[in-house]
């Protein structure tokens, strides 16, 4: 799954704006803002997982944690937690108190971190 450079740069810009404004984005809103072509959700998820990998390698808070589901949980999709488990950042089930607590702490870390400008 690949994302165009234009969409990648737009994704980073949206996440930077969300971070600066201290708010979360839904997957649906992000797909609409970026105008991702089909299969939009798969493309977005792949891009967010790639970004999580880059952030983890650089020992930064995971910007992809700013993207959440529209549902009542207000958490990222289960695949996000599978990804962060693979990255060694989280252990446990993708729903429930442990996931919510870890996610809230990660979002707070993202909001406080000063990310370098992307080239």
PDB file of N, CA and C in Angstrom:
ATOM      1  N   UNK A   1       0.855  -1.179   0.000  1.00  0.00           N
ATOM      2  CA  UNK A   1       0.000   0.000   0.000  1.00  0.00           C
ATOM      3  C   UNK A   1       0.892   1.229   0.000  1.00  0.00           C
ATOM      4  N   UNK A   2       0.648   2.155  -0.922  1.00  0.00           N
ATOM      5  CA  UNK A   2       1.474   3.357  -1.027  1.00  0.00           C
ATOM      6  C   UNK A   2       0.595   4.599  -0.957  1.00  0.00           C
ATOM      7  N   UNK A   3       1.205   5.664  -0.476  1.00  0.00           N
ATOM      8  CA  UNK A   3       0.529   6.954  -0.431  1.00  0.00           C
ATOM      9  C   UNK A   3       1.389   7.925  -1.243  1.00  0.00           C
ATOM     10  N   UNK A   4       0.748   8.791  -1.986  1.00  0.00           N
ATOM     11  CA  UNK A   4       1.502   9.747  -2.806  1.00  0.00           C
ATOM     12  C   UNK A   4       2.229  10.739  -1.906  1.00  0.00           C
ATOM     13  N   UNK A   5       3.288  11.332  -2.439  1.00  0.00           N
ATOM     14  CA  UNK A   5       4.034  12.339  -1.680  1.00  0.00           C
ATOM     15  C   UNK A   5       3.112  13.491  -1.276  1.00  0.00           C
ATOM     16  N   UNK A   6       2.239  13.897  -2.180  1.00  0.00           N
ATOM     17  CA  UNK A   6       1.308  14.991  -1.889  1.00  0.00           C
ATOM     18  C   UNK A   6       0.401  14.626  -0.708  1.00  0.00           C
ATOM     19  N   UNK A   7      -0.143  13.401  -0.724  1.00  0.00           N
ATOM     20  CA  UNK A   7      -1.005  12.976   0.377  1.00  0.00           C
ATOM     21  C   UNK A   7      -0.211  12.809   1.673  1.00  0.00           C
ATOM     22  N   UNK A   8       1.018  12.297   1.579  1.00  0.00           N
ATOM     23  CA  UNK A   8       1.867  12.134   2.759  1.00  0.00           C
ATOM     24  C   UNK A   8       2.143  13.490   3.410  1.00  0.00           C
ATOM     25  N   UNK A   9       2.521  14.464   2.603  1.00  0.00           N
ATOM     26  CA  UNK A   9       2.804  15.797   3.133  1.00  0.00           C
ATOM     27  C   UNK A   9       1.549  16.435   3.724  1.00  0.00           C
ATOM     28  N   UNK A  10       0.407  16.200   3.082  1.00  0.00           N
ATOM     29  CA  UNK A  10      -0.857  16.721   3.611  1.00  0.00           C
ATOM     30  C   UNK A  10      -1.216  16.035   4.935  1.00  0.00           C
ATOM     31  N   UNK A  11      -0.946  14.735   5.029  1.00  0.00           N
ATOM     32  CA  UNK A  11      -1.188  14.008   6.279  1.00  0.00           C
ATOM     33  C   UNK A  11      -0.337  14.593   7.402  1.00  0.00           C
ATOM     34  N   UNK A  12       0.944  14.786   7.148  1.00  0.00           N
ATOM     35  CA  UNK A  12       1.827  15.367   8.166  1.00  0.00           C
ATOM     36  C   UNK A  12       1.348  16.762   8.572  1.00  0.00           C
ATOM     37  N   UNK A  13       0.904  17.550   7.611  1.00  0.00           N
ATOM     38  CA  UNK A  13       0.413  18.896   7.905  1.00  0.00           C
ATOM     39  C   UNK A  13      -0.842  18.841   8.783  1.00  0.00           C
ATOM     40  N   UNK A  14      -1.758  17.925   8.463  1.00  0.00           N
ATOM     41  CA  UNK A  14      -2.978  17.782   9.272  1.00  0.00           C
ATOM     42  C   UNK A  14      -2.639  17.371  10.699  1.00  0.00           C
ATOM     43  N   UNK A  15      -1.709  16.428  10.841  1.00  0.00           N
ATOM     44  CA  UNK A  15      -1.323  15.982  12.178  1.00  0.00           C
ATOM     45  C   UNK A  15      -0.595  17.090  12.937  1.00  0.00           C
ATOM     46  N   UNK A  16       0.232  17.872  12.243  1.00  0.00           N
ATOM     47  CA  UNK A  16       0.903  19.006  12.883  1.00  0.00           C
ATOM     48  C   UNK A  16      -0.114  20.040  13.364  1.00  0.00           C
ATOM     49  N   UNK A  17      -1.129  20.309  12.530  1.00  0.00           N
ATOM     50  CA  UNK A  17      -2.185  21.246  12.928  1.00  0.00           C
ATOM     51  C   UNK A  17      -2.943  20.726  14.142  1.00  0.00           C
ATOM     52  N   UNK A  18      -3.284  19.431  14.122  1.00  0.00           N
ATOM     53  CA  UNK A  18      -4.012  18.831  15.242  1.00  0.00           C
ATOM     54  C   UNK A  18      -3.183  18.931  16.521  1.00  0.00           C
ATOM     55  N   UNK A  19      -1.901  18.694  16.393  1.00  0.00           N
ATOM     56  CA  UNK A  19      -1.004  18.770  17.549  1.00  0.00           C
ATOM     57  C   UNK A  19      -0.949  20.195  18.089  1.00  0.00           C
ATOM     58  N   UNK A  20      -0.782  21.141  17.195  1.00  0.00           N
ATOM     59  CA  UNK A  20      -0.698  22.550  17.588  1.00  0.00           C
ATOM     60  C   UNK A  20      -1.993  23.012  18.264  1.00  0.00           C
ATOM     61  N   UNK A  21      -3.127  22.538  17.738  1.00  0.00           N
ATOM     62  CA  UNK A  21      -4.431  22.936  18.276  1.00  0.00           C
ATOM     63  C   UNK A  21      -4.893  22.029  19.415  1.00  0.00           C
ATOM     64  N   UNK A  22      -4.107  20.981  19.687  1.00  0.00           N
ATOM     65  CA  UNK A  22      -4.408  20.036  20.753  1.00  0.00           C
ATOM     66  C   UNK A  22      -5.787  19.392  20.588  1.00  0.00           C
ATOM     67  N   UNK A  23      -6.009  18.840  19.416  1.00  0.00           N
ATOM     68  CA  UNK A  23      -7.247  18.099  19.208  1.00  0.00           C
ATOM     69  C   UNK A  23      -6.972  16.825  18.420  1.00  0.00           C
ATOM     70  N   UNK A  24      -7.937  15.917  18.456  1.00  0.00           N
ATOM     71  CA  UNK A  24      -7.819  14.635  17.772  1.00  0.00           C
ATOM     72  C   UNK A  24      -8.605  14.674  16.473  1.00  0.00           C
ATOM     73  N   UNK A  25      -8.252  13.800  15.556  1.00  0.00           N
ATOM     74  CA  UNK A  25      -8.921  13.683  14.257  1.00  0.00           C
ATOM     75  C   UNK A  25      -9.513  12.284  14.127  1.00  0.00           C
ATOM     76  N   UNK A  26     -10.650  12.182  13.460  1.00  0.00           N
ATOM     77  CA  UNK A  26     -11.170  10.838  13.176  1.00  0.00           C
ATOM     78  C   UNK A  26     -10.585  10.355  11.854  1.00  0.00           C
ATOM     79  N   UNK A  27     -10.556   9.036  11.704  1.00  0.00           N
ATOM     80  CA  UNK A  27     -10.096   8.465  10.440  1.00  0.00           C
ATOM     81  C   UNK A  27     -10.921   9.035   9.288  1.00  0.00           C
ATOM     82  N   UNK A  28     -12.243   9.086   9.463  1.00  0.00           N
ATOM     83  CA  UNK A  28     -13.142   9.552   8.407  1.00  0.00           C
ATOM     84  C   UNK A  28     -12.832  11.000   8.028  1.00  0.00           C
ATOM     85  N   UNK A  29     -12.681  11.870   9.025  1.00  0.00           N
ATOM     86  CA  UNK A  29     -12.388  13.281   8.745  1.00  0.00           C
ATOM     87  C   UNK A  29     -11.069  13.421   8.001  1.00  0.00           C
ATOM     88  N   UNK A  30     -10.087  12.633   8.388  1.00  0.00           N
ATOM     89  CA  UNK A  30      -8.781  12.705   7.749  1.00  0.00           C
ATOM     90  C   UNK A  30      -8.853  12.236   6.297  1.00  0.00           C
ATOM     91  N   UNK A  31      -9.583  11.161   6.054  1.00  0.00           N
ATOM     92  CA  UNK A  31      -9.764  10.674   4.682  1.00  0.00           C
ATOM     93  C   UNK A  31     -10.421  11.753   3.824  1.00  0.00           C
ATOM     94  N   UNK A  32     -11.430  12.407   4.375  1.00  0.00           N
ATOM     95  CA  UNK A  32     -12.133  13.453   3.623  1.00  0.00           C
ATOM     96  C   UNK A  32     -11.233  14.668   3.390  1.00  0.00           C
ATOM     97  N   UNK A  33     -10.508  15.101   4.401  1.00  0.00           N
ATOM     98  CA  UNK A  33      -9.632  16.261   4.255  1.00  0.00           C
ATOM     99  C   UNK A  33      -8.518  16.004   3.244  1.00  0.00           C
ATOM    100  N   UNK A  34      -7.973  14.784   3.288  1.00  0.00           N
ATOM    101  CA  UNK A  34      -6.879  14.443   2.383  1.00  0.00           C
ATOM    102  C   UNK A  34      -7.368  14.056   0.995  1.00  0.00           C
ATOM    103  N   UNK A  35      -8.665  13.781   0.880  1.00  0.00           N
ATOM    104  CA  UNK A  35      -9.266  13.319  -0.381  1.00  0.00           C
ATOM    105  C   UNK A  35      -8.507  12.109  -0.919  1.00  0.00           C
ATOM    106  N   UNK A  36      -8.317  11.133  -0.027  1.00  0.00           N
ATOM    107  CA  UNK A  36      -7.603   9.917  -0.419  1.00  0.00           C
ATOM    108  C   UNK A  36      -8.449   9.079  -1.364  1.00  0.00           C
ATOM    109  N   UNK A  37      -7.848   8.553  -2.418  1.00  0.00           N
ATOM    110  CA  UNK A  37      -8.582   7.678  -3.337  1.00  0.00           C
ATOM    111  C   UNK A  37      -8.769   6.290  -2.712  1.00  0.00           C
ATOM    112  N   UNK A  38      -9.708   5.541  -3.233  1.00  0.00           N
ATOM    113  CA  UNK A  38      -9.961   4.175  -2.766  1.00  0.00           C
ATOM    114  C   UNK A  38      -8.735   3.317  -3.063  1.00  0.00           C
ATOM    115  N   UNK A  39      -8.392   2.400  -2.191  1.00  0.00           N
ATOM    116  CA  UNK A  39      -9.016   2.100  -0.891  1.00  0.00           C
ATOM    117  C   UNK A  39      -8.485   3.050   0.193  1.00  0.00           C
ATOM    118  N   UNK A  40      -9.252   4.074   0.492  1.00  0.00           N
ATOM    119  CA  UNK A  40      -8.798   5.169   1.349  1.00  0.00           C
ATOM    120  C   UNK A  40      -8.406   4.719   2.753  1.00  0.00           C
ATOM    121  N   UNK A  41      -9.248   3.908   3.397  1.00  0.00           N
ATOM    122  CA  UNK A  41      -8.947   3.511   4.773  1.00  0.00           C
ATOM    123  C   UNK A  41      -7.658   2.694   4.834  1.00  0.00           C
ATOM    124  N   UNK A  42      -7.484   1.771   3.904  1.00  0.00           N
ATOM    125  CA  UNK A  42      -6.258   0.962   3.909  1.00  0.00           C
ATOM    126  C   UNK A  42      -5.023   1.828   3.675  1.00  0.00           C
ATOM    127  N   UNK A  43      -5.145   2.795   2.777  1.00  0.00           N
ATOM    128  CA  UNK A  43      -4.026   3.698   2.500  1.00  0.00           C
ATOM    129  C   UNK A  43      -3.687   4.523   3.738  1.00  0.00           C
ATOM    130  N   UNK A  44      -4.718   5.073   4.382  1.00  0.00           N
ATOM    131  CA  UNK A  44      -4.501   5.891   5.573  1.00  0.00           C
ATOM    132  C   UNK A  44      -3.876   5.064   6.689  1.00  0.00           C
ATOM    133  N   UNK A  45      -4.409   3.870   6.933  1.00  0.00           N
ATOM    134  CA  UNK A  45      -3.880   3.021   7.998  1.00  0.00           C
ATOM    135  C   UNK A  45      -2.418   2.665   7.725  1.00  0.00           C
ATOM    136  N   UNK A  46      -2.096   2.323   6.494  1.00  0.00           N
ATOM    137  CA  UNK A  46      -0.706   1.992   6.150  1.00  0.00           C
ATOM    138  C   UNK A  46       0.210   3.192   6.385  1.00  0.00           C
ATOM    139  N   UNK A  47      -0.248   4.383   6.008  1.00  0.00           N
ATOM    140  CA  UNK A  47       0.556   5.597   6.198  1.00  0.00           C
ATOM    141  C   UNK A  47       0.742   5.894   7.686  1.00  0.00           C
ATOM    142  N   UNK A  48      -0.315   5.715   8.479  1.00  0.00           N
ATOM    143  CA  UNK A  48      -0.214   5.967   9.914  1.00  0.00           C
ATOM    144  C   UNK A  48       0.708   4.960  10.593  1.00  0.00           C
ATOM    145  N   UNK A  49       0.657   3.717  10.148  1.00  0.00           N
ATOM    146  CA  UNK A  49       1.559   2.704  10.714  1.00  0.00           C
ATOM    147  C   UNK A  49       3.013   3.001  10.336  1.00  0.00           C
ATOM    148  N   UNK A  50       3.221   3.446   9.120  1.00  0.00           N
ATOM    149  CA  UNK A  50       4.572   3.824   8.690  1.00  0.00           C
ATOM    150  C   UNK A  50       5.070   5.004   9.536  1.00  0.00           C
ATOM    151  N   UNK A  51       4.218   5.997   9.745  1.00  0.00           N
ATOM    152  CA  UNK A  51       4.596   7.148  10.568  1.00  0.00           C
ATOM    153  C   UNK A  51       4.902   6.706  11.999  1.00  0.00           C
ATOM    154  N   UNK A  52       4.108   5.790  12.533  1.00  0.00           N
ATOM    155  CA  UNK A  52       4.365   5.276  13.883  1.00  0.00           C
ATOM    156  C   UNK A  52       5.737   4.619  13.946  1.00  0.00           C
ATOM    157  N   UNK A  53       6.083   3.880  12.904  1.00  0.00           N
ATOM    158  CA  UNK A  53       7.397   3.225  12.848  1.00  0.00           C
ATOM    159  C   UNK A  53       8.514   4.267  12.826  1.00  0.00           C
ATOM    160  N   UNK A  54       8.345   5.304  12.014  1.00  0.00           N
ATOM    161  CA  UNK A  54       9.356   6.376  11.952  1.00  0.00           C
ATOM    162  C   UNK A  54       9.505   7.067  13.303  1.00  0.00           C
ATOM    163  N   UNK A  55       8.371   7.389  13.940  1.00  0.00           N
ATOM    164  CA  UNK A  55       8.419   8.060  15.238  1.00  0.00           C
ATOM    165  C   UNK A  55       9.065   7.159  16.291  1.00  0.00           C
ATOM    166  N   UNK A  56       8.714   5.878  16.277  1.00  0.00           N
ATOM    167  CA  UNK A  56       9.281   4.943  17.259  1.00  0.00           C
ATOM    168  C   UNK A  56      10.795   4.818  17.074  1.00  0.00           C
ATOM    169  N   UNK A  57      11.234   4.717  15.826  1.00  0.00           N
ATOM    170  CA  UNK A  57      12.677   4.620  15.556  1.00  0.00           C
ATOM    171  C   UNK A  57      13.423   5.843  16.066  1.00  0.00           C
ATOM    172  N   UNK A  58      12.775   6.990  15.995  1.00  0.00           N
ATOM    173  CA  UNK A  58      13.387   8.242  16.446  1.00  0.00           C
ATOM    174  C   UNK A  58      13.104   8.521  17.924  1.00  0.00           C
ATOM    175  N   UNK A  59      12.471   7.558  18.588  1.00  0.00           N
ATOM    176  CA  UNK A  59      12.134   7.669  20.006  1.00  0.00           C
ATOM    177  C   UNK A  59      11.290   8.893  20.307  1.00  0.00           C
ATOM    178  N   UNK A  60      10.345   9.156  19.397  1.00  0.00           N
ATOM    179  CA  UNK A  60       9.400  10.268  19.571  1.00  0.00           C
ATOM    180  C   UNK A  60       8.024   9.707  19.935  1.00  0.00           C
ATOM    181  N   UNK A  61       7.178  10.528  20.561  1.00  0.00           N
ATOM    182  CA  UNK A  61       5.785  10.125  20.756  1.00  0.00           C
ATOM    183  C   UNK A  61       5.126   9.888  19.386  1.00  0.00           C
ATOM    184  N   UNK A  62       4.155   9.006  19.354  1.00  0.00           N
ATOM    185  CA  UNK A  62       3.558   8.571  18.092  1.00  0.00           C
ATOM    186  C   UNK A  62       2.439   9.501  17.640  1.00  0.00           C
ATOM    187  N   UNK A  63       2.722  10.278  16.606  1.00  0.00           N
ATOM    188  CA  UNK A  63       1.724  11.215  16.077  1.00  0.00           C
ATOM    189  C   UNK A  63       0.475  10.510  15.579  1.00  0.00           C
ATOM    190  N   UNK A  64       0.617   9.266  15.164  1.00  0.00           N
ATOM    191  CA  UNK A  64      -0.553   8.525  14.672  1.00  0.00           C
ATOM    192  C   UNK A  64      -1.585   8.306  15.776  1.00  0.00           C
ATOM    193  N   UNK A  65      -1.203   8.499  17.030  1.00  0.00           N
ATOM    194  CA  UNK A  65      -2.173   8.348  18.124  1.00  0.00           C
ATOM    195  C   UNK A  65      -3.222   9.455  18.115  1.00  0.00           C
ATOM    196  N   UNK A  66      -3.012  10.503  17.325  1.00  0.00           N
ATOM    197  CA  UNK A  66      -3.983  11.593  17.239  1.00  0.00           C
ATOM    198  C   UNK A  66      -5.199  11.231  16.395  1.00  0.00           C
ATOM    199  N   UNK A  67      -5.162  10.069  15.743  1.00  0.00           N
ATOM    200  CA  UNK A  67      -6.257   9.661  14.858  1.00  0.00           C
ATOM    201  C   UNK A  67      -7.068   8.582  15.566  1.00  0.00           C
ATOM    202  N   UNK A  68      -8.379   8.860  15.702  1.00  0.00           N
ATOM    203  CA  UNK A  68      -9.251   7.976  16.469  1.00  0.00           C
ATOM    204  C   UNK A  68     -10.484   7.591  15.666  1.00  0.00           C
ATOM    205  N   UNK A  69     -11.181   6.581  16.162  1.00  0.00           N
ATOM    206  CA  UNK A  69     -12.445   6.145  15.557  1.00  0.00           C
ATOM    207  C   UNK A  69     -13.567   7.095  15.955  1.00  0.00           C
ATOM    208  N   UNK A  70     -14.602   7.131  15.138  1.00  0.00           N
ATOM    209  CA  UNK A  70     -15.768   7.948  15.440  1.00  0.00           C
ATOM    210  C   UNK A  70     -16.611   7.343  16.543  1.00  0.00           C
ATOM    211  N   UNK A  71     -16.441   6.073  16.810  1.00  0.00           N
ATOM    212  CA  UNK A  71     -17.283   5.357  17.765  1.00  0.00           C
ATOM    213  C   UNK A  71     -17.176   5.883  19.182  1.00  0.00           C
ATOM    214  N   UNK A  72     -17.944   5.270  20.050  1.00  0.00           N
ATOM    215  CA  UNK A  72     -18.031   5.707  21.436  1.00  0.00           C
ATOM    216  C   UNK A  72     -16.711   5.600  22.180  1.00  0.00           C
ATOM    217  N   UNK A  73     -15.838   4.683  21.778  1.00  0.00           N
ATOM    218  CA  UNK A  73     -14.582   4.486  22.504  1.00  0.00           C
ATOM    219  C   UNK A  73     -13.654   5.685  22.397  1.00  0.00           C
ATOM    220  N   UNK A  74     -13.732   6.416  21.282  1.00  0.00           N
ATOM    221  CA  UNK A  74     -12.836   7.546  21.003  1.00  0.00           C
ATOM    222  C   UNK A  74     -11.375   7.122  21.065  1.00  0.00           C
ATOM    223  N   UNK A  75     -11.119   5.868  20.698  1.00  0.00           N
ATOM    224  CA  UNK A  75      -9.771   5.323  20.628  1.00  0.00           C
ATOM    225  C   UNK A  75      -9.431   5.030  19.173  1.00  0.00           C
ATOM    226  N   UNK A  76      -8.154   4.859  18.878  1.00  0.00           N
ATOM    227  CA  UNK A  76      -7.792   4.386  17.542  1.00  0.00           C
ATOM    228  C   UNK A  76      -8.337   2.981  17.298  1.00  0.00           C
ATOM    229  N   UNK A  77      -8.331   2.585  16.050  1.00  0.00           N
ATOM    230  CA  UNK A  77      -8.792   1.249  15.679  1.00  0.00           C
ATOM    231  C   UNK A  77      -7.888   0.184  16.299  1.00  0.00           C
ATOM    232  N   UNK A  78      -8.394  -1.046  16.456  1.00  0.00           N
ATOM    233  CA  UNK A  78      -7.575  -2.116  17.035  1.00  0.00           C
ATOM    234  C   UNK A  78      -6.232  -2.320  16.324  1.00  0.00           C
ATOM    235  N   UNK A  79      -6.196  -2.116  15.020  1.00  0.00           N
ATOM    236  CA  UNK A  79      -4.941  -2.270  14.278  1.00  0.00           C
ATOM    237  C   UNK A  79      -3.848  -1.327  14.759  1.00  0.00           C
ATOM    238  N   UNK A  80      -4.230  -0.151  15.251  1.00  0.00           N
ATOM    239  CA  UNK A  80      -3.252   0.784  15.813  1.00  0.00           C
ATOM    240  C   UNK A  80      -2.555   0.144  17.005  1.00  0.00           C
ATOM    241  N   UNK A  81      -3.344  -0.488  17.875  1.00  0.00           N
ATOM    242  CA  UNK A  81      -2.766  -1.102  19.065  1.00  0.00           C
ATOM    243  C   UNK A  81      -1.916  -2.316  18.706  1.00  0.00           C
ATOM    244  N   UNK A  82      -2.294  -3.035  17.655  1.00  0.00           N
ATOM    245  CA  UNK A  82      -1.454  -4.133  17.168  1.00  0.00           C
ATOM    246  C   UNK A  82      -0.115  -3.577  16.686  1.00  0.00           C
ATOM    247  N   UNK A  83      -0.162  -2.460  15.974  1.00  0.00           N
ATOM    248  CA  UNK A  83       1.056  -1.825  15.469  1.00  0.00           C
ATOM    249  C   UNK A  83       1.948  -1.370  16.619  1.00  0.00           C
ATOM    250  N   UNK A  84       1.384  -0.670  17.603  1.00  0.00           N
ATOM    251  CA  UNK A  84       2.219  -0.166  18.697  1.00  0.00           C
ATOM    252  C   UNK A  84       2.725  -1.297  19.591  1.00  0.00           C
ATOM    253  N   UNK A  85       2.009  -2.414  19.603  1.00  0.00           N
ATOM    254  CA  UNK A  85       2.509  -3.594  20.311  1.00  0.00           C
ATOM    255  C   UNK A  85       3.733  -4.141  19.585  1.00  0.00           C
ATOM    256  N   UNK A  86       3.652  -4.231  18.236  1.00  0.00           N
ATOM    257  CA  UNK A  86       4.812  -4.678  17.447  1.00  0.00           C
ATOM    258  C   UNK A  86       6.000  -3.754  17.641  1.00  0.00           C
ATOM    259  N   UNK A  87       5.740  -2.480  17.835  1.00  0.00           N
ATOM    260  CA  UNK A  87       6.811  -1.496  18.026  1.00  0.00           C
ATOM    261  C   UNK A  87       7.346  -1.482  19.464  1.00  0.00           C
ATOM    262  N   UNK A  88       6.740  -2.271  20.326  1.00  0.00           N
ATOM    263  CA  UNK A  88       7.186  -2.345  21.710  1.00  0.00           C
ATOM    264  C   UNK A  88       6.744  -1.190  22.580  1.00  0.00           C
ATOM    265  N   UNK A  89       5.716  -0.474  22.160  1.00  0.00           N
ATOM    266  CA  UNK A  89       5.246   0.687  22.912  1.00  0.00           C
ATOM    267  C   UNK A  89       4.070   0.374  23.839  1.00  0.00           C
ATOM    268  N   UNK A  90       3.350  -0.717  23.572  1.00  0.00           N
ATOM    269  CA  UNK A  90       2.140  -1.031  24.334  1.00  0.00           C
ATOM    270  C   UNK A  90       1.985  -2.538  24.430  1.00  0.00           C
ATOM    271  N   UNK A  91       1.484  -3.001  25.559  1.00  0.00           N
ATOM    272  CA  UNK A  91       1.104  -4.401  25.693  1.00  0.00           C
ATOM    273  C   UNK A  91      -0.272  -4.452  26.328  1.00  0.00           C
ATOM    274  N   UNK A  92      -1.100  -5.353  25.821  1.00  0.00           N
ATOM    275  CA  UNK A  92      -2.432  -5.511  26.385  1.00  0.00           C
ATOM    276  C   UNK A  92      -3.485  -5.527  25.302  1.00  0.00           C
ATOM    277  N   UNK A  93      -4.745  -5.688  25.721  1.00  0.00           N
ATOM    278  CA  UNK A  93      -5.842  -5.703  24.753  1.00  0.00           C
ATOM    279  C   UNK A  93      -6.068  -4.311  24.145  1.00  0.00           C
ATOM    280  N   UNK A  94      -6.618  -4.312  22.924  1.00  0.00           N
ATOM    281  CA  UNK A  94      -6.811  -3.050  22.198  1.00  0.00           C
ATOM    282  C   UNK A  94      -8.055  -2.286  22.625  1.00  0.00           C
ATOM    283  N   UNK A  95      -8.754  -2.796  23.611  1.00  0.00           N
ATOM    284  CA  UNK A  95      -9.903  -2.072  24.140  1.00  0.00           C
ATOM    285  C   UNK A  95      -9.827  -2.131  25.667  1.00  0.00           C
ATOM    286  N   UNK A  96     -10.585  -1.314  26.327  1.00  0.00           N
ATOM    287  CA  UNK A  96     -10.586  -1.330  27.781  1.00  0.00           C
ATOM    288  C   UNK A  96      -9.728  -0.255  28.401  1.00  0.00           C
ATOM    289  N   UNK A  97      -9.632  -0.330  29.706  1.00  0.00           N
ATOM    290  CA  UNK A  97      -8.994   0.724  30.489  1.00  0.00           C
ATOM    291  C   UNK A  97      -7.501   0.878  30.192  1.00  0.00           C
ATOM    292  N   UNK A  98      -6.791  -0.230  30.011  1.00  0.00           N
ATOM    293  CA  UNK A  98      -5.351  -0.137  29.760  1.00  0.00           C
ATOM    294  C   UNK A  98      -5.072   0.573  28.444  1.00  0.00           C
ATOM    295  N   UNK A  99      -5.833   0.237  27.410  1.00  0.00           N
ATOM    296  CA  UNK A  99      -5.644   0.885  26.106  1.00  0.00           C
ATOM    297  C   UNK A  99      -6.003   2.366  26.188  1.00  0.00           C
ATOM    298  N   UNK A 100      -7.109   2.672  26.856  1.00  0.00           N
ATOM    299  CA  UNK A 100      -7.532   4.070  26.976  1.00  0.00           C
ATOM    300  C   UNK A 100      -6.516   4.891  27.760  1.00  0.00           C
ATOM    301  N   UNK A 101      -5.994   4.313  28.829  1.00  0.00           N
ATOM    302  CA  UNK A 101      -5.013   5.014  29.651  1.00  0.00           C
ATOM    303  C   UNK A 101      -3.716   5.241  28.880  1.00  0.00           C
ATOM    304  N   UNK A 102      -3.225   4.194  28.203  1.00  0.00           N
ATOM    305  CA  UNK A 102      -1.996   4.338  27.416  1.00  0.00           C
ATOM    306  C   UNK A 102      -2.192   5.378  26.320  1.00  0.00           C
ATOM    307  N   UNK A 103      -3.336   5.318  25.634  1.00  0.00           N
ATOM    308  CA  UNK A 103      -3.603   6.247  24.539  1.00  0.00           C
ATOM    309  C   UNK A 103      -3.633   7.692  25.048  1.00  0.00           C
ATOM    310  N   UNK A 104      -4.322   7.932  26.152  1.00  0.00           N
ATOM    311  CA  UNK A 104      -4.405   9.290  26.709  1.00  0.00           C
ATOM    312  C   UNK A 104      -3.012   9.810  27.057  1.00  0.00           C
ATOM    313  N   UNK A 105      -2.168   8.954  27.628  1.00  0.00           N
ATOM    314  CA  UNK A 105      -0.807   9.366  27.976  1.00  0.00           C
ATOM    315  C   UNK A 105       0.017   9.648  26.725  1.00  0.00           C
ATOM    316  N   UNK A 106      -0.150   8.830  25.688  1.00  0.00           N
ATOM    317  CA  UNK A 106       0.599   9.038  24.440  1.00  0.00           C
ATOM    318  C   UNK A 106       0.165  10.335  23.760  1.00  0.00           C
ATOM    319  N   UNK A 107      -1.133  10.604  23.737  1.00  0.00           N
ATOM    320  CA  UNK A 107      -1.630  11.859  23.154  1.00  0.00           C
ATOM    321  C   UNK A 107      -1.039  13.049  23.908  1.00  0.00           C
ATOM    322  N   UNK A 108      -1.003  12.975  25.225  1.00  0.00           N
ATOM    323  CA  UNK A 108      -0.415  14.066  26.015  1.00  0.00           C
ATOM    324  C   UNK A 108       1.058  14.244  25.660  1.00  0.00           C
ATOM    325  N   UNK A 109       1.780  13.147  25.475  1.00  0.00           N
ATOM    326  CA  UNK A 109       3.189  13.224  25.079  1.00  0.00           C
ATOM    327  C   UNK A 109       3.332  13.886  23.708  1.00  0.00           C
ATOM    328  N   UNK A 110       2.451  13.529  22.767  1.00  0.00           N
ATOM    329  CA  UNK A 110       2.487  14.126  21.428  1.00  0.00           C
ATOM    330  C   UNK A 110       2.274  15.634  21.521  1.00  0.00           C
ATOM    331  N   UNK A 111       1.282  16.043  22.305  1.00  0.00           N
ATOM    332  CA  UNK A 111       0.981  17.468  22.434  1.00  0.00           C
ATOM    333  C   UNK A 111       2.154  18.249  23.035  1.00  0.00           C
ATOM    334  N   UNK A 112       2.951  17.622  23.861  1.00  0.00           N
ATOM    335  CA  UNK A 112       4.060  18.301  24.531  1.00  0.00           C
ATOM    336  C   UNK A 112       5.363  18.258  23.737  1.00  0.00           C
ATOM    337  N   UNK A 113       5.462  17.367  22.759  1.00  0.00           N
ATOM    338  CA  UNK A 113       6.723  17.164  22.052  1.00  0.00           C
ATOM    339  C   UNK A 113       6.893  18.194  20.941  1.00  0.00           C
ATOM    340  N   UNK A 114       8.118  18.644  20.740  1.00  0.00           N
ATOM    341  CA  UNK A 114       8.432  19.602  19.676  1.00  0.00           C
ATOM    342  C   UNK A 114       9.035  18.830  18.513  1.00  0.00           C
ATOM    343  N   UNK A 115       8.211  18.485  17.537  1.00  0.00           N
ATOM    344  CA  UNK A 115       8.676  17.702  16.375  1.00  0.00           C
ATOM    345  C   UNK A 115       9.503  18.568  15.442  1.00  0.00           C
ATOM    346  N   UNK A 116      10.571  18.001  14.903  1.00  0.00           N
ATOM    347  CA  UNK A 116      11.357  18.759  13.913  1.00  0.00           C
ATOM    348  C   UNK A 116      10.532  18.960  12.632  1.00  0.00           C
ATOM    349  N   UNK A 117      10.813  20.025  11.944  1.00  0.00           N
ATOM    350  CA  UNK A 117      10.139  20.271  10.663  1.00  0.00           C
ATOM    351  C   UNK A 117      10.580  19.207   9.656  1.00  0.00           C
ATOM    352  N   UNK A 118       9.609  18.677   8.935  1.00  0.00           N
ATOM    353  CA  UNK A 118       9.904  17.656   7.918  1.00  0.00           C
ATOM    354  C   UNK A 118      10.575  18.331   6.713  1.00  0.00           C
ATOM    355  N   UNK A 119      11.548  17.654   6.113  1.00  0.00           N
ATOM    356  CA  UNK A 119      12.227  18.264   4.942  1.00  0.00           C
ATOM    357  C   UNK A 119      11.290  18.404   3.753  1.00  0.00           C
TER     358      UNK A 119
END
